[in-house]
Structures are given as structure tokens and as C-alpha cells.
Protein backbone atom coordinates (compact mmCIF):
# COMPACT_ATOMS: atom_id res chain seq x y z
CA MET A 1 0.00 0.00 0.00
CA LYS A 2 1.21 3.47 -0.85
CA LYS A 3 3.23 5.31 1.80
CA PHE A 4 0.95 7.69 3.68
CA LYS A 5 1.66 11.38 3.51
CA TYR A 6 1.77 13.57 6.59
CA ILE A 7 2.83 16.85 5.08
CA ILE A 8 3.64 17.99 1.56
CA LEU A 9 6.97 19.75 1.38
CA SER A 10 8.73 20.82 -1.78
CA PHE A 11 11.96 22.62 -2.50
CA LEU A 12 9.93 24.67 -4.96
CA ALA A 13 8.10 26.11 -1.96
CA ILE A 14 11.28 27.46 -0.42
CA GLY A 15 11.51 31.21 -0.28
CA PHE A 16 9.53 33.64 1.73
CA LEU A 17 7.32 36.39 0.37
CA ALA A 18 8.98 39.76 0.52
CA CYS A 19 7.09 42.41 2.38
CA GLU A 20 8.03 45.90 3.45
CA ASN A 21 8.24 46.77 7.11
CA GLU A 22 8.21 50.52 6.86
CA THR A 23 8.78 51.16 10.55
CA LEU A 24 12.05 49.26 10.82
CA ASP A 25 13.23 50.21 7.33
CA ASP A 26 12.64 53.88 8.05
CA LEU A 27 14.61 53.61 11.28
CA ARG A 28 17.53 51.94 9.57
CA ASN A 29 17.52 54.39 6.66
CA ARG A 30 17.61 57.22 9.16
CA GLY A 31 20.58 55.56 10.83
CA ASN A 32 22.45 55.61 7.53
CA THR A 33 22.16 59.34 6.98
CA ASP A 34 24.24 62.12 8.43
CA THR A 35 21.34 64.54 8.76
CA GLU A 36 18.89 62.48 10.79
CA PRO A 37 20.69 60.02 13.08
CA LEU A 38 18.89 57.64 15.36
CA PRO A 39 18.34 58.79 18.94
CA GLU A 40 20.66 57.59 21.67
CA LEU A 41 19.51 54.48 23.52
CA THR A 42 17.96 55.17 26.91
CA SER A 43 16.87 52.61 29.52
CA GLY A 44 13.93 54.58 30.89
CA THR A 45 13.03 53.53 34.42
CA ALA A 46 14.48 50.01 34.08
CA ASP A 47 17.84 48.78 35.35
CA PHE A 48 19.37 46.14 33.06
CA SER A 49 22.62 45.70 34.97
CA ASN A 50 21.74 42.20 36.22
CA TYR A 51 19.31 40.44 33.91
CA VAL A 52 17.98 36.94 34.73
CA ALA A 53 15.90 34.95 32.24
CA PHE A 54 13.41 32.57 33.82
CA GLY A 55 11.13 30.06 32.13
CA PRO A 56 10.88 26.68 30.39
CA SER A 57 12.22 25.59 27.01
CA PHE A 58 11.80 28.83 25.02
CA THR A 59 14.04 30.58 27.55
CA ALA A 60 16.68 27.87 27.12
CA GLY A 61 16.71 28.31 23.34
CA PHE A 62 15.33 24.79 22.80
CA SER A 63 14.98 24.21 19.05
CA ASP A 64 14.70 21.30 16.61
CA GLY A 65 13.92 18.92 19.44
CA SER A 66 16.98 19.66 21.58
CA VAL A 67 19.30 22.19 23.17
CA PHE A 68 22.48 22.73 21.16
CA LEU A 69 25.19 25.35 21.20
CA ALA A 70 24.14 27.49 18.21
CA ALA A 71 20.54 27.60 19.39
CA GLN A 72 21.61 28.69 22.87
CA GLU A 73 23.78 31.44 21.42
CA ASN A 74 20.71 32.64 19.50
CA SER A 75 18.21 32.19 22.32
CA PHE A 76 15.86 35.11 22.82
CA PRO A 77 17.34 35.94 26.27
CA LYS A 78 20.83 36.11 24.76
CA ILE A 79 19.56 38.41 22.00
CA ILE A 80 17.88 40.61 24.60
CA ALA A 81 20.99 40.60 26.80
CA ASP A 82 23.09 41.77 23.84
CA MET A 83 20.74 44.75 23.46
CA PHE A 84 20.73 45.37 27.23
CA ALA A 85 24.52 45.56 27.09
CA ASN A 86 24.11 48.79 25.14
CA ALA A 87 22.02 50.21 27.98
CA GLY A 88 24.15 49.31 30.98
CA GLY A 89 23.52 45.58 30.99
CA GLY A 90 26.12 43.28 32.53
CA ASN A 91 27.42 39.84 31.66
CA PHE A 92 24.90 37.20 30.66
CA THR A 93 26.01 33.66 31.49
CA GLN A 94 24.26 30.64 29.99
CA PRO A 95 24.68 26.93 30.87
CA LEU A 96 26.16 26.19 27.46
CA VAL A 97 26.16 22.62 26.17
CA SER A 98 29.19 20.96 24.62
CA ASP A 99 28.39 20.91 20.91
CA ASN A 100 25.88 21.38 18.11
CA TYR A 101 24.69 17.77 18.09
CA GLY A 102 22.28 18.29 20.97
CA GLY A 103 21.07 15.56 23.28
CA LEU A 104 22.17 14.67 26.78
CA ALA A 105 24.13 11.85 28.40
CA ALA A 106 24.55 10.67 31.99
CA GLY A 107 27.82 8.95 32.74
CA GLY A 108 28.31 8.16 29.06
CA VAL A 109 24.79 6.75 28.62
CA ARG A 110 22.55 8.72 26.26
CA ILE A 111 19.36 9.97 27.95
CA SER A 112 18.07 12.21 25.16
CA ASP A 113 18.75 12.23 21.43
CA PRO A 114 20.48 14.78 19.19
CA ARG A 115 18.58 17.44 17.30
CA LEU A 116 16.35 17.10 14.26
CA VAL A 117 17.35 18.27 10.78
CA PHE A 118 15.53 18.71 7.48
CA GLY A 119 15.79 15.45 5.56
CA GLY A 120 14.29 16.50 2.23
CA ALA A 121 10.71 15.44 3.01
CA GLY A 122 10.43 16.65 6.57
CA PRO A 123 12.15 16.55 9.95
CA VAL A 124 14.45 13.57 10.57
CA PRO A 125 16.96 12.67 13.29
CA LEU A 126 20.42 14.16 12.79
CA GLU A 127 22.06 10.73 12.84
CA SER A 128 19.95 9.54 9.90
CA VAL A 129 21.77 12.15 7.80
CA VAL A 130 25.30 12.39 9.23
CA GLY A 131 25.64 8.98 10.85
CA PRO A 132 26.27 8.13 14.53
CA VAL A 133 27.47 10.91 16.82
CA THR A 134 28.65 10.98 20.41
CA VAL A 135 26.46 13.10 22.68
CA GLY A 136 29.01 15.23 24.50
CA THR A 137 26.87 17.05 27.08
CA ASP A 138 26.97 14.79 30.13
CA ILE A 139 25.11 15.71 33.32
CA VAL A 140 27.45 13.51 35.37
CA LEU A 141 30.80 14.39 33.79
CA ASN A 142 30.84 17.98 32.54
CA ASN A 143 28.25 20.33 34.01
CA PRO A 144 29.19 24.03 33.72
CA THR A 145 29.80 26.29 36.69
CA GLY A 146 27.22 28.92 37.60
CA PRO A 147 25.57 31.08 38.62
CA PHE A 148 23.63 31.40 35.37
CA ASN A 149 21.63 34.35 34.09
CA ASN A 150 19.69 32.02 31.79
CA LEU A 151 17.62 29.61 33.89
CA GLY A 152 15.57 28.13 31.05
CA MET A 153 14.33 24.65 32.04
CA PRO A 154 13.00 22.57 29.13
CA GLY A 155 10.06 20.48 30.26
CA ALA A 156 9.44 22.35 33.50
CA LYS A 157 5.86 22.91 34.64
CA SER A 158 4.96 25.92 36.75
CA PHE A 159 5.26 24.11 40.08
CA HIS A 160 8.59 22.53 39.13
CA PHE A 161 10.28 25.93 39.41
CA ILE A 162 9.50 26.04 43.13
CA ALA A 163 10.13 22.34 43.85
CA PRO A 164 13.22 21.49 45.97
CA GLY A 165 15.36 18.76 44.47
CA TYR A 166 14.14 19.29 40.91
CA GLY A 167 17.80 19.57 39.91
CA ASN A 168 19.19 16.88 42.19
CA ILE A 169 20.69 14.07 40.12
CA ALA A 170 19.88 11.63 42.93
CA ASN A 171 16.18 12.21 42.17
CA LEU A 172 16.33 11.03 38.56
CA PRO A 173 14.13 10.18 36.72
CA ASN A 174 11.89 12.65 38.59
CA ALA A 175 14.56 15.35 38.48
CA ASN A 176 15.07 17.40 35.32
CA PRO A 177 18.49 16.77 33.69
CA TYR A 178 18.62 20.37 32.49
CA ALA A 179 18.06 21.49 36.09
CA VAL A 180 20.86 19.15 37.21
CA ARG A 181 23.22 21.12 34.98
CA VAL A 182 22.59 24.41 36.83
CA THR A 183 22.15 23.55 40.53
CA GLY A 184 25.86 22.86 41.07
CA ASN A 185 26.80 22.45 44.74
CA THR A 186 23.24 23.23 45.87
CA PRO A 187 21.40 20.28 44.28
CA ASN A 188 18.21 20.76 46.31
CA ALA A 189 17.87 24.46 45.55
CA THR A 190 14.76 25.40 43.59
CA ILE A 191 15.15 27.11 40.24
CA LEU A 192 13.44 30.14 41.76
CA GLU A 193 15.98 30.20 44.60
CA LEU A 194 18.81 30.15 42.06
CA ALA A 195 17.27 33.19 40.38
CA ILE A 196 16.63 35.10 43.61
CA ALA A 197 20.19 34.44 44.84
CA GLN A 198 21.46 36.56 41.93
CA ASN A 199 19.49 39.61 43.10
CA PRO A 200 18.28 40.42 39.58
CA SER A 201 17.60 44.00 38.60
CA PHE A 202 15.52 42.87 35.63
CA PHE A 203 13.95 39.58 34.56
CA THR A 204 11.96 37.91 31.84
CA ALA A 205 9.51 35.14 32.72
CA ASP A 206 8.14 33.57 29.55
CA LEU A 207 5.63 30.83 28.84
CA ILE A 208 5.39 29.67 32.44
CA GLY A 209 2.44 27.29 32.36
CA GLY A 210 3.06 26.15 28.81
CA ASN A 211 4.22 22.71 29.87
CA ASP A 212 1.32 22.46 32.30
CA VAL A 213 -0.92 21.79 29.29
CA LEU A 214 1.62 20.81 26.64
CA GLY A 215 2.42 17.39 28.11
CA TYR A 216 -1.25 16.46 28.02
CA ALA A 217 -1.59 17.85 24.51
CA THR A 218 1.44 16.06 23.04
CA ALA A 219 0.14 12.86 24.64
CA GLY A 220 -3.01 13.25 22.58
CA GLY A 221 -5.04 13.94 25.70
CA ASP A 222 -4.12 10.57 27.22
CA GLU A 223 -4.28 11.21 30.97
CA THR A 224 -2.32 8.04 31.70
CA ILE A 225 0.70 9.76 30.11
CA ASP A 226 0.31 13.33 31.40
CA GLN A 227 -2.32 15.56 32.95
CA ILE A 228 -3.26 19.24 32.88
CA THR A 229 -2.16 21.16 35.98
CA ASP A 230 -5.05 22.38 38.10
CA PRO A 231 -5.49 26.15 37.59
CA LEU A 232 -5.29 26.79 41.34
CA THR A 233 -1.94 25.00 41.49
CA PHE A 234 -0.73 27.10 38.56
CA GLU A 235 -1.98 30.31 40.19
CA PHE A 236 -0.10 29.55 43.41
CA ALA A 237 3.10 28.65 41.54
CA PHE A 238 2.99 31.68 39.24
CA ASN A 239 2.35 34.13 42.07
CA THR A 240 5.17 32.54 44.10
CA ILE A 241 7.54 32.92 41.15
CA ILE A 242 6.68 36.57 40.51
CA ASP A 243 6.77 37.35 44.24
CA GLY A 244 10.30 35.97 44.37
CA LEU A 245 11.55 37.68 41.21
CA THR A 246 10.20 41.09 42.23
CA ALA A 247 11.04 40.91 45.97
CA ASN A 248 13.96 43.32 45.61
CA GLY A 249 12.07 45.72 43.36
CA ALA A 250 13.19 44.21 40.06
CA LYS A 251 11.24 45.09 36.95
CA GLY A 252 10.51 42.59 34.23
CA VAL A 253 8.44 41.10 31.43
CA VAL A 254 6.01 38.21 31.50
CA THR A 255 4.22 36.39 28.68
CA ASN A 256 1.08 34.38 28.37
CA ILE A 257 0.98 30.94 26.71
CA PRO A 258 -0.37 29.94 23.29
CA TYR A 259 -3.15 27.62 22.18
CA VAL A 260 -1.79 24.35 20.87
CA SER A 261 -3.69 24.83 17.60
CA SER A 262 -1.14 27.54 16.72
CA LEU A 263 1.68 24.97 16.64
CA PRO A 264 2.45 22.70 13.66
CA TYR A 265 3.00 19.78 16.04
CA PHE A 266 -0.79 19.62 16.09
CA THR A 267 -1.64 20.84 12.60
CA ALA A 268 0.99 19.52 10.17
CA VAL A 269 -0.51 16.02 9.91
CA GLY A 270 -3.90 15.89 8.27
CA HIS A 271 -6.81 13.78 9.49
CA ASP A 272 -7.51 12.50 5.96
CA VAL A 273 -4.21 11.06 4.76
CA VAL A 274 -5.14 7.50 3.78
CA PRO A 275 -4.95 6.72 0.03
CA LEU A 276 -6.81 3.57 -1.08
CA ASP A 277 -7.84 2.06 -4.38
CA GLN A 278 -11.29 0.54 -4.73
CA ALA A 279 -10.20 -3.05 -4.16
CA THR A 280 -8.37 -2.17 -0.94
CA ALA A 281 -11.25 0.02 0.25
CA ASN A 282 -13.63 -2.90 -0.25
CA LEU A 283 -11.37 -5.18 1.80
CA VAL A 284 -11.12 -2.70 4.65
CA ASN A 285 -14.86 -2.02 4.63
CA GLY A 286 -15.45 -5.77 4.80
CA GLY A 287 -13.34 -5.87 7.94
CA PHE A 288 -15.54 -3.23 9.58
CA ALA A 289 -18.86 -4.75 8.42
CA ALA A 290 -19.52 -6.45 11.75
CA TYR A 291 -18.65 -3.25 13.64
CA ASN A 292 -20.99 -1.15 11.48
CA GLY A 293 -23.71 -3.79 11.92
CA GLY A 294 -23.29 -3.59 15.68
CA LEU A 295 -23.96 0.16 15.53
CA LEU A 296 -27.27 -0.48 13.77
CA PHE A 297 -28.12 -3.08 16.41
CA ALA A 298 -27.40 -0.53 19.13
CA GLN A 299 -29.61 2.03 17.39
CA SER A 300 -32.49 -0.40 17.04
CA ASN A 301 -32.30 -1.06 20.76
CA GLY A 302 -32.27 2.60 21.73
CA LEU A 303 -28.60 2.68 22.72
CA LEU A 304 -27.52 5.13 20.01
CA ASP A 305 -29.30 7.80 18.04
CA ALA A 306 -28.98 8.14 14.28
CA GLU A 307 -26.51 11.01 14.56
CA GLU A 308 -24.00 9.02 16.59
CA VAL A 309 -24.44 5.99 14.35
CA ALA A 310 -23.49 8.17 11.38
CA GLN A 311 -20.54 9.60 13.33
CA ARG A 312 -19.22 6.15 14.21
CA THR A 313 -19.84 4.34 10.92
CA ILE A 314 -16.55 3.53 9.17
CA ASN A 315 -16.43 3.66 5.39
CA PHE A 316 -13.48 3.90 3.00
CA THR A 317 -13.63 4.85 -0.68
CA ALA A 318 -11.29 4.87 -3.65
CA SER A 319 -9.62 8.14 -2.71
CA SER A 320 -6.34 9.67 -1.62
CA ASN A 321 -8.04 11.46 1.26
CA ASN A 322 -9.71 8.87 3.46
CA ALA A 323 -9.90 9.81 7.13
CA VAL A 324 -7.92 7.75 9.62
CA VAL A 325 -9.76 5.50 12.08
CA ILE A 326 -9.37 6.45 15.75
CA GLU A 327 -10.44 5.42 19.22
CA ASP A 328 -12.61 8.01 20.96
CA GLU A 329 -13.38 7.62 24.67
CA ASN A 330 -16.00 10.37 24.42
CA LEU A 331 -18.33 8.15 22.40
CA THR A 332 -21.14 6.26 24.11
CA ASP A 333 -19.59 3.29 25.88
CA LEU A 334 -20.93 0.09 24.28
CA SER A 335 -18.16 -2.19 25.48
CA ALA A 336 -20.69 -4.28 27.41
CA PHE A 337 -22.14 -5.25 24.04
CA GLY A 338 -18.75 -5.93 22.46
CA ILE A 339 -18.85 -2.74 20.40
CA PRO A 340 -15.66 -0.62 20.66
CA SER A 341 -15.54 3.19 20.54
CA TYR A 342 -14.23 3.72 16.99
CA ARG A 343 -14.86 6.42 14.41
CA GLN A 344 -13.08 8.13 11.54
CA ALA A 345 -11.37 11.42 12.28
CA THR A 346 -12.76 14.75 11.12
CA ALA A 347 -11.24 18.14 10.45
CA ASN A 348 -12.03 19.02 14.07
CA ASP A 349 -9.53 16.46 15.35
CA LEU A 350 -5.84 17.31 15.73
CA VAL A 351 -3.33 14.60 14.81
CA VAL A 352 -0.03 14.91 16.69
CA LEU A 353 3.14 15.10 14.62
CA PRO A 354 4.68 11.74 15.67
CA ALA A 355 1.60 9.99 14.27
CA ALA A 356 3.14 10.62 10.86
CA SER A 357 5.50 7.73 11.46
CA VAL A 358 2.69 5.46 12.71
CA ILE A 359 -0.14 5.93 10.22
CA GLY A 360 0.11 3.31 7.49
CA THR A 361 2.56 1.04 9.29
CA THR A 362 1.74 -2.59 9.98
CA VAL A 363 1.25 -4.20 13.36
CA GLY A 364 3.69 -7.06 13.83
CA GLY A 365 4.39 -7.13 10.10
CA ASN A 366 0.85 -8.29 9.36
CA PRO A 367 -0.22 -6.63 6.07
CA THR A 368 -3.89 -6.75 7.09
CA LEU A 369 -3.29 -4.81 10.31
CA ILE A 370 -2.61 -1.22 9.27
CA ASN A 371 -2.41 1.55 11.85
CA GLY A 372 -5.00 4.22 11.21
CA VAL A 373 -6.87 2.00 8.76
CA SER A 374 -7.82 -1.48 9.93
CA VAL A 375 -6.28 -0.77 13.37
CA PRO A 376 -7.63 2.43 14.99
CA LEU A 377 -5.15 4.98 16.27
CA ALA A 378 -4.99 5.01 20.08
CA ASP A 379 -5.83 8.04 22.22
CA GLN A 380 -2.22 9.25 22.36
CA TRP A 381 -2.16 10.13 18.65
CA ILE A 382 -5.28 12.32 18.45
CA LEU A 383 -6.60 15.40 20.23
CA THR A 384 -10.37 15.19 20.00
CA PRO A 385 -12.54 18.34 20.20
CA GLU A 386 -13.43 17.50 23.81
CA GLU A 387 -9.74 17.26 24.74
CA GLN A 388 -9.01 20.50 22.92
CA ILE A 389 -11.70 22.25 24.98
CA GLU A 390 -10.03 21.01 28.18
CA ILE A 391 -6.74 22.52 26.99
CA ILE A 392 -8.28 25.81 25.90
CA THR A 393 -10.11 26.14 29.22
CA ALA A 394 -6.86 25.64 31.14
CA VAL A 395 -4.89 28.02 28.89
CA ASP A 396 -7.54 30.71 29.28
CA SER A 397 -7.43 30.31 33.06
CA TYR A 398 -3.62 30.45 33.18
CA ASN A 399 -3.53 33.46 30.87
CA SER A 400 -6.09 35.29 32.99
CA THR A 401 -3.84 34.80 36.02
CA ILE A 402 -0.75 35.94 34.10
CA SER A 403 -2.47 39.05 32.76
CA SER A 404 -3.82 39.97 36.19
CA VAL A 405 -0.46 39.54 37.89
CA ALA A 406 1.36 41.54 35.20
CA SER A 407 -1.14 44.38 35.50
CA SER A 408 -1.14 44.49 39.31
CA ARG A 409 2.67 44.46 39.48
CA GLY A 410 3.20 46.97 36.67
CA LEU A 411 5.19 44.45 34.63
CA ALA A 412 5.62 44.54 30.88
CA PHE A 413 3.56 41.95 29.02
CA VAL A 414 4.00 40.08 25.74
CA ASP A 415 0.97 38.39 24.19
CA VAL A 416 2.69 35.30 22.77
CA ASN A 417 -0.70 33.69 22.25
CA ALA A 418 -1.75 36.46 19.85
CA ILE A 419 1.63 36.39 18.05
CA LEU A 420 1.44 32.66 17.32
CA GLU A 421 -2.26 32.85 16.42
CA GLU A 422 -1.40 35.52 13.86
CA ALA A 423 1.51 33.46 12.55
CA ALA A 424 -0.75 30.43 12.16
CA SER A 425 -3.48 32.36 10.36
CA THR A 426 -2.16 35.23 8.25
CA GLY A 427 1.59 35.16 8.93
CA ILE A 428 3.66 37.89 10.57
CA VAL A 429 6.01 40.44 9.10
CA PHE A 430 9.63 40.42 10.23
CA ASP A 431 11.72 42.90 8.26
CA ASP A 432 11.57 41.86 4.59
CA PHE A 433 9.84 38.53 5.22
CA ILE A 434 6.43 37.13 5.95
CA HIS A 435 6.76 34.16 8.28
CA THR A 436 4.13 31.64 9.28
CA ALA A 437 3.78 28.81 11.79
CA ASP A 438 4.11 26.18 9.04
CA LEU A 439 6.53 23.33 9.66
CA VAL A 440 10.00 23.67 8.02
CA PHE A 441 9.29 26.52 5.61
CA GLY A 442 7.26 28.87 7.81
CA GLY A 443 10.43 30.29 9.31
CA LEU A 444 9.23 30.74 12.90
CA VAL A 445 8.68 27.26 14.33
CA SER A 446 11.53 24.76 14.40
CA LEU A 447 11.54 21.19 13.14
CA ASP A 448 10.05 19.79 16.35
CA GLY A 449 6.81 21.62 15.60
CA ILE A 450 6.63 23.37 18.98
CA HIS A 451 9.71 25.46 19.70
CA LEU A 452 11.01 28.38 17.66
CA THR A 453 13.76 28.75 15.12
CA SER A 454 16.57 31.18 15.84
CA ARG A 455 14.78 33.72 13.67
CA GLY A 456 11.59 33.03 15.59
CA TYR A 457 13.43 33.70 18.84
CA ALA A 458 14.80 36.92 17.35
CA TYR A 459 11.25 38.03 16.55
CA MET A 460 10.26 37.14 20.09
CA ALA A 461 13.20 39.14 21.49
CA ASN A 462 11.97 42.18 19.58
CA ALA A 463 8.48 41.72 21.01
CA PHE A 464 10.03 41.78 24.50
CA LEU A 465 12.04 44.91 23.73
CA GLN A 466 8.97 46.67 22.35
CA ALA A 467 7.02 45.77 25.50
CA ILE A 468 9.88 47.09 27.63
CA ASP A 469 9.82 50.35 25.68
CA THR A 470 6.09 50.70 26.24
CA THR A 471 6.13 49.94 29.96
CA TYR A 472 9.43 51.40 31.16
CA GLY A 473 10.07 54.24 28.75
CA SER A 474 13.19 52.85 27.08
CA ASN A 475 13.69 53.26 23.34
CA PHE A 476 15.24 50.05 22.02
CA GLU A 477 13.08 50.06 18.91
CA ALA A 478 13.40 53.77 18.13
CA SER A 479 17.17 53.67 18.61
CA GLY A 480 17.55 50.64 16.34
CA ASN A 481 18.65 48.29 19.14
CA ILE A 482 16.57 45.38 17.95
CA ALA A 483 17.27 42.11 16.16
CA ARG A 484 17.35 41.89 12.37
CA ALA A 485 15.83 38.92 10.60
CA ASP A 486 18.76 38.45 8.22
CA ASP A 487 21.11 37.80 11.14
CA PHE A 488 19.28 34.62 12.18
CA VAL A 489 18.68 31.36 10.35
CA THR A 490 15.43 29.44 10.02
CA ASN A 491 16.99 25.98 9.60
CA TYR A 492 20.41 24.78 10.72
CA SER A 493 22.57 22.61 8.47
CA PRO A 494 23.05 18.97 9.49
CA LEU A 495 26.81 19.63 9.22
CA LEU A 496 26.74 22.47 11.75
CA GLN A 497 29.82 21.93 13.95
């Protein structure tokens, strides 16, 4: 049977649409004339002398499924720190990894894999292109020495930042290996305590709460894998974090978190990606004949109405766009009658990116057992509308808390949710380019479908600087102290050393 598609990518599609950004172009043109120079940079009411970046994976510069050296050097906090240096900012120390392969090891044993690269038809593991590599960043053998201004913790939920022992290697696997790298000789210190100990004059706290829903979302809403953090738990953790970061009068910027539907991890794989000829469709339909007959039996006995029977009936045609078959726990439970909860996906379902490597594969090498066709996809591969509502409800609650805290504390605020929604719908303008949230060629979101490219982080850095200008009276944008798109890549070469 024909290999199933998950996303159509073509080298002919490479190249972004040019678009003028008159504001930035005008500023730069002014900077190139002798008669109308740019104004001098001023910091307003903010003190950038000791900047600490606080948050999960975006803060760390996580990209293409890993943390690697080039991505860290182009993380949005590093870009911001470089601009702060022009306004009295001090040194900005990051817990740099060992190389550009990515991945982590513990005592020579690999615990996470190297980064993803573009393989010609989509994201693929680095080693599938360049061959085996040795992961050099080892949390047992070569952790860097702090303190660190960048305390980005990939994978951290809101309450993890205030949890003692989160960076204690003795607590693995419950500890976070990225946290192990920064706790040093205080392994039980919380990430918040590490930040407070530096007495920051300014901070950024981005996407706190993102992982509180993301784990559930990437697990396809399977609560046996991960669960959404209760909003009250998030509220307590977030307020504790901001209380700690502002205790000495520090100013800062916070962000809200995005809806998962803005990320290609949940949108790049279509629900209708099964190509069948008529003969194969007939065979598959024959396999579901007893199931479909059971639905009619249930209807005749008042167990299902006609609408749900239609929703659950499975039918394939001679087409390249048949919908995959899925399990759906939200359907009426007929297991007592031997009728499973199956249906075909609709456009309202979100298929997670890793399902691309599952749909169309055989089970145990049996050619009659095809995942997504004759074998329904399990809960972990699909976000149903009901599961999406759970996520949206939690995100809205978290974002309400974040917005309220930012307003009451007089902190600058960046609406990351709105930025990524715009990128996913119409695209956003960054200098001479229009970038979208599309996988690989959109320019903003990296190959893992969730985190940003270096250019995406540069755009994010500018959004922070603009918010700082608005709230604290600095003039980073007007003085030209902002990132330029051309200075940052959208995809790293597999041969990056």
C-alpha cells in the first residue's frame, strides 16, 4: 500500500514572500544618513545591569527537538541581553552545552537524542543524515559552573520551578536533567531560589504554564501519560515565582501561553491522509462490516441515536483522502455489548506530529493490520474536540492569572498567544519577510513543531524589547537596538559543527 503522507513539502516552496516593514526600514535608513541620526539608547526607568531569564524551554533556546550550542547562542534571552549591554547591561552567562549535536548523556549513557534536521521530506533525526554521533553534554561528567543568568528549564511545569530537588541528580528520573546542569553544589535548591540568589535588577519570565498543558496535549489527551495542571496550582506557583523575582524591586516582562492549535506539532498532519484504491477500500470495509452492523443493532435497541451511528460508521472509498480511524473515549460506551468506541477522524480532530511515522505502518508485520486504517489509532495520537476544549479552558485560566499579575505588578507583558495565532493564520512580518507557523518553511517554528527557530526567537526578542519600551520608557526600537531577521537562520545545516 502506498506510503501515507503527513505533510507535503517541496523545495519549490522554499523562499519567503517579501514584504516591506516601513517602521524598521525607516529607522535603519535614518541611521544611515548624516542629517537624521537615530536617537541615543535610553533605559527609561528600568535597570538592566543584572538580567535573569526565567522560564521553560523557550528561555533555554530549545529548538529542533533539543538544546544545542548554536541555538543557545541565538536564544531570545541572549539576544535581549546583547541589546541590554548597550544600555548598561552586565554579563549574561548561559549553561552552554558541549556541541551542536544536541542531546544529553549521563555517565556516558545517552538519555536524550540529538537534534532534528531537514531530511528533504520533513524533519528527521540528525544521525539519519550524518551517521552516529557521540552526545558530549553529560550531566554527570561535565556540568558548567554557575551562577547562570539564563535559567531556562526545558520540560518544567509551573510548580517545578519552586520544587526542591528538581535539579538533584539523585532524584532522577523525577529530576530534570537540564536542572541538574545548573544547581551545582546546591542540588536541592529550587530554580526560583537560584534566580533570587542573583538579586536580579531585571527579569523575563516567559511561557510559564506552557508545559502544564503541553504534556497532556502532546500525549493526545491521554491522561495516563500526562495531565493538565489544576489552575489553582498554577496560580499559586505563578504568584510565588513573581513574588520571588520582584522581591527586591526588580522590573521585568512576563508572557502568556499559546493555544496548541497555533503549533504545527498539532496541525501539520492531516486527518484524511489515507490513500486507497477501490479493491483495498472494499477489503477494509469488509473488515468493519460487523462493527458497522453492531452500531445499527445498538440504534435499534435505543442505545444510540442516528446522529452518533453516522458519526461512528466507518467507510473507505477509492480516494487519496480517506480519514484515519481512531479510538474516541468520548463516544457512548458500548463495550458491554462488544462494540468498541471507533470512528473516523474529522477536520475538528488534531493529529499529533509523531503519528506521521505510525499511520500506514503494519502491526507485527501483518499486512492486514494497518495503523490508522484497519487498526484504529490510540488516544495518544489524536486530540479530540473535547480534549481540545479542556486545553483551551486551562490556557484561558492560566492566561487570565498571568495578565492579572502583570497588571497588578506593573510588569511589561508580551501576548505570545496572539503572536502565534497571527503566525498560524495570516503570517507575521519580520523585516523583509512574511513568516508563518508552518513546519519547516514557515520560518518561525523549528523542526520539532513546537519550539522556535533562531529567527523566531529573534522576533520574540523584539516583542520583549517593544514591551519594555512601552512599559518602562526605554527606546530600544526607536534607537535601532533590535534584532534583524537576516542575522538569524530558520533551519540549521546537518553539518553544523
